[in-house]
PDB file of N, CA and C in Angstrom:
ATOM      1  N   MET A   1       0.822  -1.200   0.000  1.00  0.00           N
ATOM      2  CA  MET A   1       0.000   0.000   0.000  1.00  0.00           C
ATOM      3  C   MET A   1       0.867   1.265   0.000  1.00  0.00           C
ATOM      4  N   ALA A   2       2.004   1.184   0.674  1.00  0.00           N
ATOM      5  CA  ALA A   2       2.890   2.341   0.729  1.00  0.00           C
ATOM      6  C   ALA A   2       3.433   2.669  -0.661  1.00  0.00           C
ATOM      7  N   GLU A   3       3.743   1.618  -1.438  1.00  0.00           N
ATOM      8  CA  GLU A   3       4.229   1.851  -2.801  1.00  0.00           C
ATOM      9  C   GLU A   3       3.168   2.541  -3.641  1.00  0.00           C
ATOM     10  N   LEU A   4       1.926   2.126  -3.462  1.00  0.00           N
ATOM     11  CA  LEU A   4       0.822   2.702  -4.226  1.00  0.00           C
ATOM     12  C   LEU A   4       0.663   4.185  -3.898  1.00  0.00           C
ATOM     13  N   ASN A   5       0.722   4.518  -2.618  1.00  0.00           N
ATOM     14  CA  ASN A   5       0.595   5.921  -2.203  1.00  0.00           C
ATOM     15  C   ASN A   5       1.788   6.743  -2.674  1.00  0.00           C
ATOM     16  N   ALA A   6       2.970   6.151  -2.634  1.00  0.00           N
ATOM     17  CA  ALA A   6       4.159   6.864  -3.100  1.00  0.00           C
ATOM     18  C   ALA A   6       4.069   7.141  -4.596  1.00  0.00           C
ATOM     19  N   LEU A   7       3.619   6.150  -5.361  1.00  0.00           N
ATOM     20  CA  LEU A   7       3.472   6.342  -6.804  1.00  0.00           C
ATOM     21  C   LEU A   7       2.400   7.392  -7.102  1.00  0.00           C
ATOM     22  N   ALA A   8       1.319   7.370  -6.359  1.00  0.00           N
ATOM     23  CA  ALA A   8       0.274   8.389  -6.539  1.00  0.00           C
ATOM     24  C   ALA A   8       0.843   9.778  -6.265  1.00  0.00           C
ATOM     25  N   GLY A   9       1.686   9.888  -5.246  1.00  0.00           N
ATOM     26  CA  GLY A   9       2.320  11.173  -4.939  1.00  0.00           C
ATOM     27  C   GLY A   9       3.235  11.649  -6.057  1.00  0.00           C
ATOM     28  N   VAL A  10       3.968  10.727  -6.656  1.00  0.00           N
ATOM     29  CA  VAL A  10       4.838  11.076  -7.775  1.00  0.00           C
ATOM     30  C   VAL A  10       4.004  11.537  -8.962  1.00  0.00           C
ATOM     31  N   LEU A  11       2.917  10.834  -9.241  1.00  0.00           N
ATOM     32  CA  LEU A  11       2.061  11.215 -10.363  1.00  0.00           C
ATOM     33  C   LEU A  11       1.442  12.594 -10.142  1.00  0.00           C
ATOM     34  N   VAL A  12       1.043  12.888  -8.918  1.00  0.00           N
ATOM     35  CA  VAL A  12       0.508  14.221  -8.609  1.00  0.00           C
ATOM     36  C   VAL A  12       1.583  15.271  -8.841  1.00  0.00           C
ATOM     37  N   ALA A  13       2.799  14.968  -8.413  1.00  0.00           N
ATOM     38  CA  ALA A  13       3.891  15.935  -8.571  1.00  0.00           C
ATOM     39  C   ALA A  13       4.249  16.172 -10.035  1.00  0.00           C
ATOM     40  N   THR A  14       4.011  15.175 -10.908  1.00  0.00           N
ATOM     41  CA  THR A  14       4.290  15.389 -12.334  1.00  0.00           C
ATOM     42  C   THR A  14       3.332  16.405 -12.945  1.00  0.00           C
ATOM     43  N   LEU A  15       2.246  16.674 -12.272  1.00  0.00           N
ATOM     44  CA  LEU A  15       1.265  17.644 -12.759  1.00  0.00           C
ATOM     45  C   LEU A  15       1.479  19.038 -12.170  1.00  0.00           C
ATOM     46  N   SER A  16       2.521  19.196 -11.374  1.00  0.00           N
ATOM     47  CA  SER A  16       2.783  20.460 -10.695  1.00  0.00           C
ATOM     48  C   SER A  16       3.160  21.557 -11.690  1.00  0.00           C
ATOM     49  N   PRO A  17       2.673  22.766 -11.475  1.00  0.00           N
ATOM     50  CA  PRO A  17       3.086  23.889 -12.331  1.00  0.00           C
ATOM     51  C   PRO A  17       4.510  24.356 -12.008  1.00  0.00           C
ATOM     52  N   ASP A  18       5.055  23.947 -10.853  1.00  0.00           N
ATOM     53  CA  ASP A  18       6.408  24.309 -10.448  1.00  0.00           C
ATOM     54  C   ASP A  18       7.402  23.412 -11.196  1.00  0.00           C
ATOM     55  N   ALA A  19       8.204  23.995 -12.065  1.00  0.00           N
ATOM     56  CA  ALA A  19       9.097  23.229 -12.940  1.00  0.00           C
ATOM     57  C   ALA A  19      10.085  22.331 -12.190  1.00  0.00           C
ATOM     58  N   PRO A  20      10.776  22.801 -11.160  1.00  0.00           N
ATOM     59  CA  PRO A  20      11.700  21.894 -10.460  1.00  0.00           C
ATOM     60  C   PRO A  20      10.997  20.698  -9.809  1.00  0.00           C
ATOM     61  N   THR A  21       9.836  20.937  -9.247  1.00  0.00           N
ATOM     62  CA  THR A  21       9.062  19.848  -8.644  1.00  0.00           C
ATOM     63  C   THR A  21       8.653  18.847  -9.707  1.00  0.00           C
ATOM     64  N   ARG A  22       8.181  19.353 -10.818  1.00  0.00           N
ATOM     65  CA  ARG A  22       7.738  18.483 -11.917  1.00  0.00           C
ATOM     66  C   ARG A  22       8.899  17.668 -12.488  1.00  0.00           C
ATOM     67  N   ARG A  23      10.048  18.311 -12.687  1.00  0.00           N
ATOM     68  CA  ARG A  23      11.218  17.596 -13.235  1.00  0.00           C
ATOM     69  C   ARG A  23      11.687  16.494 -12.297  1.00  0.00           C
ATOM     70  N   GLN A  24      11.704  16.776 -10.991  1.00  0.00           N
ATOM     71  CA  GLN A  24      12.107  15.758 -10.026  1.00  0.00           C
ATOM     72  C   GLN A  24      11.112  14.598 -10.041  1.00  0.00           C
ATOM     73  N   ALA A  25       9.838  14.918 -10.129  1.00  0.00           N
ATOM     74  CA  ALA A  25       8.818  13.863 -10.181  1.00  0.00           C
ATOM     75  C   ALA A  25       8.959  13.027 -11.449  1.00  0.00           C
ATOM     76  N   GLU A  26       9.300  13.661 -12.559  1.00  0.00           N
ATOM     77  CA  GLU A  26       9.503  12.918 -13.807  1.00  0.00           C
ATOM     78  C   GLU A  26      10.699  11.982 -13.689  1.00  0.00           C
ATOM     79  N   ARG A  27      11.761  12.437 -13.002  1.00  0.00           N
ATOM     80  CA  ARG A  27      12.915  11.555 -12.768  1.00  0.00           C
ATOM     81  C   ARG A  27      12.530  10.398 -11.855  1.00  0.00           C
ATOM     82  N   ASP A  28      11.740  10.696 -10.828  1.00  0.00           N
ATOM     83  CA  ASP A  28      11.273   9.645  -9.918  1.00  0.00           C
ATOM     84  C   ASP A  28      10.398   8.633 -10.651  1.00  0.00           C
ATOM     85  N   LEU A  29       9.581   9.121 -11.564  1.00  0.00           N
ATOM     86  CA  LEU A  29       8.714   8.233 -12.338  1.00  0.00           C
ATOM     87  C   LEU A  29       9.541   7.320 -13.239  1.00  0.00           C
ATOM     88  N   LEU A  30      10.587   7.851 -13.849  1.00  0.00           N
ATOM     89  CA  LEU A  30      11.473   7.010 -14.669  1.00  0.00           C
ATOM     90  C   LEU A  30      12.121   5.915 -13.835  1.00  0.00           C
ATOM     91  N   GLN A  31      12.526   6.247 -12.612  1.00  0.00           N
ATOM     92  CA  GLN A  31      13.107   5.237 -11.728  1.00  0.00           C
ATOM     93  C   GLN A  31      12.059   4.197 -11.341  1.00  0.00           C
ATOM     94  N   ALA A  32      10.841   4.633 -11.091  1.00  0.00           N
ATOM     95  CA  ALA A  32       9.772   3.711 -10.701  1.00  0.00           C
ATOM     96  C   ALA A  32       9.441   2.751 -11.834  1.00  0.00           C
ATOM     97  N   GLN A  33       9.574   3.205 -13.076  1.00  0.00           N
ATOM     98  CA  GLN A  33       9.254   2.353 -14.217  1.00  0.00           C
ATOM     99  C   GLN A  33      10.190   1.158 -14.326  1.00  0.00           C
ATOM    100  N   ALA A  34      11.356   1.233 -13.718  1.00  0.00           N
ATOM    101  CA  ALA A  34      12.298   0.118 -13.746  1.00  0.00           C
ATOM    102  C   ALA A  34      11.926  -0.966 -12.730  1.00  0.00           C
ATOM    103  N   HIS A  35      11.046  -0.654 -11.807  1.00  0.00           N
ATOM    104  CA  HIS A  35      10.640  -1.618 -10.778  1.00  0.00           C
ATOM    105  C   HIS A  35       9.651  -2.620 -11.368  1.00  0.00           C
ATOM    106  N   PRO A  36       9.793  -3.903 -11.050  1.00  0.00           N
ATOM    107  CA  PRO A  36       8.906  -4.923 -11.635  1.00  0.00           C
ATOM    108  C   PRO A  36       7.415  -4.729 -11.325  1.00  0.00           C
ATOM    109  N   SER A  37       7.108  -4.055 -10.239  1.00  0.00           N
ATOM    110  CA  SER A  37       5.694  -3.895  -9.871  1.00  0.00           C
ATOM    111  C   SER A  37       5.071  -2.626 -10.448  1.00  0.00           C
ATOM    112  N   PHE A  38       5.791  -1.900 -11.293  1.00  0.00           N
ATOM    113  CA  PHE A  38       5.266  -0.637 -11.817  1.00  0.00           C
ATOM    114  C   PHE A  38       3.953  -0.830 -12.573  1.00  0.00           C
ATOM    115  N   GLY A  39       3.911  -1.770 -13.496  1.00  0.00           N
ATOM    116  CA  GLY A  39       2.707  -1.995 -14.302  1.00  0.00           C
ATOM    117  C   GLY A  39       1.475  -2.276 -13.460  1.00  0.00           C
ATOM    118  N   PRO A  40       1.537  -3.273 -12.575  1.00  0.00           N
ATOM    119  CA  PRO A  40       0.358  -3.531 -11.741  1.00  0.00           C
ATOM    120  C   PRO A  40      -0.027  -2.362 -10.840  1.00  0.00           C
ATOM    121  N   LEU A  41       0.956  -1.626 -10.345  1.00  0.00           N
ATOM    122  CA  LEU A  41       0.637  -0.499  -9.467  1.00  0.00           C
ATOM    123  C   LEU A  41      -0.092   0.620 -10.211  1.00  0.00           C
ATOM    124  N   VAL A  42       0.382   0.978 -11.408  1.00  0.00           N
ATOM    125  CA  VAL A  42      -0.316   2.052 -12.129  1.00  0.00           C
ATOM    126  C   VAL A  42      -1.699   1.590 -12.574  1.00  0.00           C
ATOM    127  N   LEU A  43      -1.845   0.306 -12.877  1.00  0.00           N
ATOM    128  CA  LEU A  43      -3.193  -0.181 -13.218  1.00  0.00           C
ATOM    129  C   LEU A  43      -4.122  -0.122 -12.012  1.00  0.00           C
ATOM    130  N   GLN A  44      -3.587  -0.400 -10.828  1.00  0.00           N
ATOM    131  CA  GLN A  44      -4.400  -0.264  -9.614  1.00  0.00           C
ATOM    132  C   GLN A  44      -4.835   1.178  -9.416  1.00  0.00           C
ATOM    133  N   LEU A  45      -3.903   2.112  -9.668  1.00  0.00           N
ATOM    134  CA  LEU A  45      -4.257   3.524  -9.531  1.00  0.00           C
ATOM    135  C   LEU A  45      -5.316   3.929 -10.551  1.00  0.00           C
ATOM    136  N   CYS A  46      -5.236   3.384 -11.753  1.00  0.00           N
ATOM    137  CA  CYS A  46      -6.229   3.699 -12.792  1.00  0.00           C
ATOM    138  C   CYS A  46      -7.632   3.285 -12.366  1.00  0.00           C
ATOM    139  N   GLN A  47      -7.722   2.190 -11.655  1.00  0.00           N
ATOM    140  CA  GLN A  47      -9.022   1.621 -11.296  1.00  0.00           C
ATOM    141  C   GLN A  47      -9.535   2.074  -9.938  1.00  0.00           C
ATOM    142  N   ASP A  48      -8.702   2.731  -9.153  1.00  0.00           N
ATOM    143  CA  ASP A  48      -9.056   3.082  -7.777  1.00  0.00           C
ATOM    144  C   ASP A  48      -9.986   4.297  -7.742  1.00  0.00           C
ATOM    145  N   PRO A  49     -11.241   4.091  -7.380  1.00  0.00           N
ATOM    146  CA  PRO A  49     -12.172   5.227  -7.342  1.00  0.00           C
ATOM    147  C   PRO A  49     -11.835   6.233  -6.244  1.00  0.00           C
ATOM    148  N   ALA A  50     -10.981   5.854  -5.294  1.00  0.00           N
ATOM    149  CA  ALA A  50     -10.591   6.777  -4.231  1.00  0.00           C
ATOM    150  C   ALA A  50      -9.597   7.822  -4.733  1.00  0.00           C
ATOM    151  N   GLN A  51      -8.945   7.548  -5.852  1.00  0.00           N
ATOM    152  CA  GLN A  51      -7.987   8.509  -6.421  1.00  0.00           C
ATOM    153  C   GLN A  51      -8.749   9.561  -7.223  1.00  0.00           C
ATOM    154  N   ASN A  52      -8.217  10.779  -7.222  1.00  0.00           N
ATOM    155  CA  ASN A  52      -8.891  11.807  -8.013  1.00  0.00           C
ATOM    156  C   ASN A  52      -8.593  11.595  -9.502  1.00  0.00           C
ATOM    157  N   LYS A  53      -9.399  12.222 -10.324  1.00  0.00           N
ATOM    158  CA  LYS A  53      -9.339  11.990 -11.763  1.00  0.00           C
ATOM    159  C   LYS A  53      -7.975  12.289 -12.380  1.00  0.00           C
ATOM    160  N   PRO A  54      -7.305  13.405 -12.042  1.00  0.00           N
ATOM    161  CA  PRO A  54      -5.981  13.651 -12.645  1.00  0.00           C
ATOM    162  C   PRO A  54      -4.964  12.551 -12.334  1.00  0.00           C
ATOM    163  N   VAL A  55      -5.008  11.986 -11.135  1.00  0.00           N
ATOM    164  CA  VAL A  55      -4.094  10.897 -10.787  1.00  0.00           C
ATOM    165  C   VAL A  55      -4.421   9.660 -11.621  1.00  0.00           C
ATOM    166  N   ARG A  56      -5.687   9.355 -11.760  1.00  0.00           N
ATOM    167  CA  ARG A  56      -6.089   8.182 -12.548  1.00  0.00           C
ATOM    168  C   ARG A  56      -5.702   8.356 -14.013  1.00  0.00           C
ATOM    169  N   GLN A  57      -5.893   9.555 -14.555  1.00  0.00           N
ATOM    170  CA  GLN A  57      -5.525   9.803 -15.945  1.00  0.00           C
ATOM    171  C   GLN A  57      -4.003   9.761 -16.129  1.00  0.00           C
ATOM    172  N   SER A  58      -3.277  10.325 -15.191  1.00  0.00           N
ATOM    173  CA  SER A  58      -1.823  10.299 -15.265  1.00  0.00           C
ATOM    174  C   SER A  58      -1.305   8.867 -15.156  1.00  0.00           C
ATOM    175  N   ALA A  59      -1.929   8.060 -14.316  1.00  0.00           N
ATOM    176  CA  ALA A  59      -1.545   6.652 -14.183  1.00  0.00           C
ATOM    177  C   ALA A  59      -1.805   5.907 -15.490  1.00  0.00           C
ATOM    178  N   ALA A  60      -2.937   6.177 -16.122  1.00  0.00           N
ATOM    179  CA  ALA A  60      -3.254   5.512 -17.394  1.00  0.00           C
ATOM    180  C   ALA A  60      -2.253   5.915 -18.481  1.00  0.00           C
ATOM    181  N   LEU A  61      -1.920   7.182 -18.534  1.00  0.00           N
ATOM    182  CA  LEU A  61      -0.951   7.656 -19.520  1.00  0.00           C
ATOM    183  C   LEU A  61       0.441   7.074 -19.242  1.00  0.00           C
ATOM    184  N   SER A  62       0.823   6.989 -17.991  1.00  0.00           N
ATOM    185  CA  SER A  62       2.109   6.392 -17.630  1.00  0.00           C
ATOM    186  C   SER A  62       2.159   4.923 -18.019  1.00  0.00           C
ATOM    187  N   PHE A  63       1.040   4.216 -17.828  1.00  0.00           N
ATOM    188  CA  PHE A  63       1.003   2.806 -18.217  1.00  0.00           C
ATOM    189  C   PHE A  63       1.137   2.666 -19.729  1.00  0.00           C
ATOM    190  N   LYS A  64       0.441   3.513 -20.466  1.00  0.00           N
ATOM    191  CA  LYS A  64       0.522   3.474 -21.930  1.00  0.00           C
ATOM    192  C   LYS A  64       1.948   3.725 -22.392  1.00  0.00           C
ATOM    193  N   ASN A  65       2.594   4.725 -21.823  1.00  0.00           N
ATOM    194  CA  ASN A  65       3.964   5.046 -22.205  1.00  0.00           C
ATOM    195  C   ASN A  65       4.929   3.938 -21.809  1.00  0.00           C
ATOM    196  N   TRP A  66       4.701   3.331 -20.654  1.00  0.00           N
ATOM    197  CA  TRP A  66       5.548   2.231 -20.188  1.00  0.00           C
ATOM    198  C   TRP A  66       5.430   1.027 -21.118  1.00  0.00           C
ATOM    199  N   ILE A  67       4.206   0.703 -21.522  1.00  0.00           N
ATOM    200  CA  ILE A  67       3.995  -0.410 -22.451  1.00  0.00           C
ATOM    201  C   ILE A  67       4.655  -0.092 -23.795  1.00  0.00           C
ATOM    202  N   LYS A  68       4.465   1.107 -24.278  1.00  0.00           N
ATOM    203  CA  LYS A  68       5.035   1.503 -25.571  1.00  0.00           C
ATOM    204  C   LYS A  68       6.558   1.404 -25.565  1.00  0.00           C
ATOM    205  N   ALA A  69       7.177   1.751 -24.456  1.00  0.00           N
ATOM    206  CA  ALA A  69       8.635   1.729 -24.364  1.00  0.00           C
ATOM    207  C   ALA A  69       9.206   0.334 -24.117  1.00  0.00           C
ATOM    208  N   ASN A  70       8.414  -0.543 -23.528  1.00  0.00           N
ATOM    209  CA  ASN A  70       8.963  -1.822 -23.079  1.00  0.00           C
ATOM    210  C   ASN A  70       8.373  -3.061 -23.733  1.00  0.00           C
ATOM    211  N   TRP A  71       7.344  -2.915 -24.515  1.00  0.00           N
ATOM    212  CA  TRP A  71       6.696  -4.072 -25.114  1.00  0.00           C
ATOM    213  C   TRP A  71       7.401  -4.405 -26.423  1.00  0.00           C
ATOM    214  N   ALA A  72       7.935  -5.599 -26.485  1.00  0.00           N
ATOM    215  CA  ALA A  72       8.621  -6.035 -27.703  1.00  0.00           C
ATOM    216  C   ALA A  72       7.648  -6.866 -28.533  1.00  0.00           C
ATOM    217  N   VAL A  73       7.348  -6.381 -29.694  1.00  0.00           N
ATOM    218  CA  VAL A  73       6.432  -7.082 -30.582  1.00  0.00           C
ATOM    219  C   VAL A  73       7.225  -7.613 -31.761  1.00  0.00           C
ATOM    220  N   SER A  74       7.079  -8.881 -31.974  1.00  0.00           N
ATOM    221  CA  SER A  74       7.716  -9.466 -33.153  1.00  0.00           C
ATOM    222  C   SER A  74       6.704 -10.371 -33.833  1.00  0.00           C
ATOM    223  N   PHE A  75       6.713 -10.327 -35.123  1.00  0.00           N
ATOM    224  CA  PHE A  75       5.815 -11.136 -35.923  1.00  0.00           C
ATOM    225  C   PHE A  75       6.660 -11.997 -36.858  1.00  0.00           C
ATOM    226  N   PRO A  76       7.155 -13.121 -36.373  1.00  0.00           N
ATOM    227  CA  PRO A  76       8.018 -13.943 -37.209  1.00  0.00           C
ATOM    228  C   PRO A  76       7.296 -14.565 -38.406  1.00  0.00           C
ATOM    229  N   PHE A  77       5.977 -14.577 -38.365  1.00  0.00           N
ATOM    230  CA  PHE A  77       5.221 -15.191 -39.439  1.00  0.00           C
ATOM    231  C   PHE A  77       4.959 -14.238 -40.592  1.00  0.00           C
ATOM    232  N   LEU A  78       5.274 -12.954 -40.432  1.00  0.00           N
ATOM    233  CA  LEU A  78       5.056 -11.994 -41.513  1.00  0.00           C
ATOM    234  C   LEU A  78       6.288 -11.920 -42.419  1.00  0.00           C
ATOM    235  N   PRO A  79       6.075 -11.765 -43.705  1.00  0.00           N
ATOM    236  CA  PRO A  79       7.231 -11.604 -44.590  1.00  0.00           C
ATOM    237  C   PRO A  79       7.925 -10.277 -44.342  1.00  0.00           C
ATOM    238  N   ARG A  80       9.202 -10.210 -44.565  1.00  0.00           N
ATOM    239  CA  ARG A  80       9.997  -9.000 -44.292  1.00  0.00           C
ATOM    240  C   ARG A  80       9.674  -7.862 -45.262  1.00  0.00           C
ATOM    241  N   SER A  81       9.026  -8.139 -46.366  1.00  0.00           N
ATOM    242  CA  SER A  81       8.730  -7.091 -47.335  1.00  0.00           C
ATOM    243  C   SER A  81       7.660  -6.123 -46.843  1.00  0.00           C
ATOM    244  N   LEU A  82       6.943  -6.456 -45.779  1.00  0.00           N
ATOM    245  CA  LEU A  82       5.944  -5.542 -45.242  1.00  0.00           C
ATOM    246  C   LEU A  82       6.650  -4.519 -44.442  1.00  0.00           C
TER     247      LEU A  82
END
């Protein structure tokens, strides 16, 4: 639960209008993405009705970006000419 609250705090800080706070939160988010539990935690935040809407939206966007950066798709059955 502590990890979930910490991640929610980082996501809130990424929305800060204060540039140094936002940059630090973005660095913290990059570090969190390396943790094996990042995916399940952001999905929990997306679904948690107790979280406010900006946190849920930021969690969903973070999950999308994490999948885009880390998902390896290969189609060995397709010809290389495509």
